[in-house]
Amino acid sequence: MANELVLIVEDNDKNRKLVRDVLQVKGYQTMETDNAEEGMRLARERQPVLILMDLHLPGIDGIEALERLRRDPGTKRIPVIAVTASAMTEDNQKIIAAGFDGLQTKPIHVKEFLRVVADTIARFPVKAA
C-alpha cells in the first residue's frame, strides 16, 4: 500500500485537502487538480494506480472525463472511483453504469474511504498500457 500514486480530481479546496491528507497519512503519494482536463493530462503522464474523480467539475464533468479516460489506450486500465455528494439510489446506479470502478459519497467516512481505496487498488493491479 505504501507509496502508491493516487490522482485526486476535485474542485472543492476543502474536500481535496481532506482526501489528500487522509491518503498521505496512510503512505500514499498524491497529485491533485481541480478540473477534469488537467486530471486527464496528469493521468496520461504520471500513470497513477487510482483516480478519485468528483462528478461535478467545471468544464468537463466526471462522467465525460471517465469516458475519455476509457477511450485513451494510455489510461483505460486505471481504476476510477466516483466521489460525489449525491447519495440517491438512482444516481448511484447511473454512476456505476457509466463504468466507474467504485463510488464514494461525501462527506467521506475515513475508515470506509481508505478501505474502498485499498480494495480498488488491490482489484486492479498495475498493468502496462
Protein backbone atom coordinates (compact mmCIF):
# COMPACT_ATOMS: atom_id res chain seq x y z
CA MET A 1 0.00 0.00 0.00
CA ALA A 2 2.80 2.42 0.77
CA ASN A 3 4.00 4.93 -1.78
CA GLU A 4 1.35 4.30 -4.49
CA LEU A 5 0.36 7.35 -6.54
CA VAL A 6 -3.29 8.45 -6.41
CA LEU A 7 -4.74 11.26 -8.53
CA ILE A 8 -7.40 13.44 -6.87
CA VAL A 9 -9.68 15.40 -9.22
CA GLU A 10 -11.82 17.65 -7.00
CA ASP A 11 -12.78 21.30 -7.43
CA ASN A 12 -13.63 21.97 -3.76
CA ASP A 13 -10.46 23.02 -1.93
CA LYS A 14 -11.56 21.64 1.46
CA ASN A 15 -12.62 18.27 0.07
CA ARG A 16 -9.40 17.99 -1.95
CA LYS A 17 -7.27 18.80 1.11
CA LEU A 18 -9.12 16.29 3.29
CA VAL A 19 -8.71 13.47 0.77
CA ARG A 20 -5.05 14.36 0.20
CA ASP A 21 -4.27 14.48 3.93
CA VAL A 22 -6.06 11.19 4.67
CA LEU A 23 -4.24 9.40 1.86
CA GLN A 24 -0.82 10.86 2.69
CA VAL A 25 -1.10 9.88 6.35
CA LYS A 26 -1.55 6.28 5.15
CA GLY A 27 1.55 6.47 2.95
CA TYR A 28 0.05 7.15 -0.45
CA GLN A 29 1.61 9.71 -2.77
CA THR A 30 -0.93 12.12 -4.19
CA MET A 31 -1.25 14.58 -7.01
CA GLU A 32 -4.28 16.75 -7.47
CA THR A 33 -6.15 19.11 -9.70
CA ASP A 34 -9.43 20.99 -9.66
CA ASN A 35 -10.58 20.12 -13.20
CA ALA A 36 -11.05 17.11 -15.44
CA GLU A 37 -8.94 18.36 -18.34
CA GLU A 38 -5.85 18.63 -16.15
CA GLY A 39 -6.76 15.35 -14.47
CA MET A 40 -6.78 13.52 -17.80
CA ARG A 41 -3.40 15.02 -18.70
CA LEU A 42 -1.89 14.03 -15.34
CA ALA A 43 -3.30 10.52 -15.66
CA ARG A 44 -1.64 10.06 -19.06
CA GLU A 45 1.70 11.50 -17.94
CA ARG A 46 2.04 10.07 -14.43
CA GLN A 47 0.03 6.80 -14.59
CA PRO A 48 -1.45 6.77 -11.06
CA VAL A 49 -2.68 3.48 -9.60
CA LEU A 50 -6.07 5.11 -8.91
CA ILE A 51 -8.07 8.21 -9.80
CA LEU A 52 -10.59 9.75 -7.38
CA MET A 53 -12.97 11.77 -9.57
CA ASP A 54 -15.51 14.30 -8.38
CA LEU A 55 -18.53 14.27 -10.67
CA HIS A 56 -19.47 17.96 -10.61
CA LEU A 57 -16.46 19.75 -12.04
CA PRO A 58 -16.07 22.97 -14.01
CA GLY A 59 -15.88 22.32 -17.75
CA ILE A 60 -15.96 18.59 -18.40
CA ASP A 61 -17.84 16.68 -15.69
CA GLY A 62 -16.57 13.48 -14.10
CA ILE A 63 -18.68 11.15 -16.25
CA GLU A 64 -17.42 12.67 -19.51
CA ALA A 65 -13.86 12.59 -18.15
CA LEU A 66 -14.26 8.88 -17.36
CA GLU A 67 -15.49 8.19 -20.90
CA ARG A 68 -12.43 9.95 -22.32
CA LEU A 69 -10.06 8.12 -19.97
CA ARG A 70 -11.56 4.79 -21.06
CA ARG A 71 -11.12 5.63 -24.76
CA ASP A 72 -7.44 6.52 -24.27
CA PRO A 73 -5.17 3.44 -24.51
CA GLY A 74 -2.78 5.07 -22.04
CA THR A 75 -5.38 5.50 -19.29
CA LYS A 76 -8.12 2.96 -19.97
CA ARG A 77 -6.87 0.50 -17.34
CA ILE A 78 -6.53 3.00 -14.48
CA PRO A 79 -9.35 2.41 -11.97
CA VAL A 80 -11.54 5.43 -11.26
CA ILE A 81 -13.69 5.91 -8.17
CA ALA A 82 -16.51 8.45 -8.39
CA VAL A 83 -16.62 10.80 -5.41
CA THR A 84 -19.98 12.53 -5.06
CA ALA A 85 -22.26 14.27 -2.61
CA SER A 86 -25.25 12.54 -4.21
CA ALA A 87 -26.43 9.52 -2.26
CA MET A 88 -29.64 8.90 -4.23
CA THR A 89 -30.01 5.28 -5.37
CA GLU A 90 -30.81 6.20 -8.98
CA ASP A 91 -27.75 8.47 -9.13
CA ASN A 92 -25.56 5.68 -7.75
CA GLN A 93 -26.88 3.25 -10.36
CA LYS A 94 -26.14 5.80 -13.11
CA ILE A 95 -22.60 6.27 -11.79
CA ILE A 96 -21.82 2.56 -11.74
CA ALA A 97 -23.49 2.08 -15.16
CA ALA A 98 -21.16 4.80 -16.52
CA GLY A 99 -18.24 2.48 -15.79
CA PHE A 100 -16.73 3.79 -12.57
CA ASP A 101 -14.86 1.15 -10.60
CA GLY A 102 -16.31 2.31 -7.31
CA LEU A 103 -18.30 5.00 -5.58
CA GLN A 104 -17.56 7.07 -2.51
CA THR A 105 -20.10 9.51 -1.12
CA LYS A 106 -19.30 12.84 0.53
CA PRO A 107 -18.76 13.63 3.25
CA ILE A 108 -16.24 10.82 3.35
CA HIS A 109 -16.02 8.49 6.31
CA VAL A 110 -12.29 8.00 6.71
CA LYS A 111 -12.16 4.26 7.54
CA GLU A 112 -14.63 3.32 4.79
CA PHE A 113 -12.90 5.63 2.32
CA LEU A 114 -9.49 4.07 2.98
CA ARG A 115 -10.96 0.57 2.69
CA VAL A 116 -12.52 1.40 -0.70
CA VAL A 117 -9.25 2.91 -1.94
CA ALA A 118 -7.16 -0.09 -0.81
CA ASP A 119 -9.68 -2.63 -2.13
CA THR A 120 -9.89 -0.91 -5.52
CA ILE A 121 -6.12 -0.75 -5.90
CA ALA A 122 -5.88 -4.44 -4.96
CA ARG A 123 -8.55 -5.39 -7.55
CA PHE A 124 -6.75 -3.56 -10.35
CA PRO A 125 -3.02 -4.29 -10.18
CA VAL A 126 -0.82 -2.00 -12.24
CA LYS A 127 -0.60 -3.15 -15.86
CA ALA A 128 1.40 -1.82 -18.74
CA ALA A 129 -0.60 0.37 -21.13
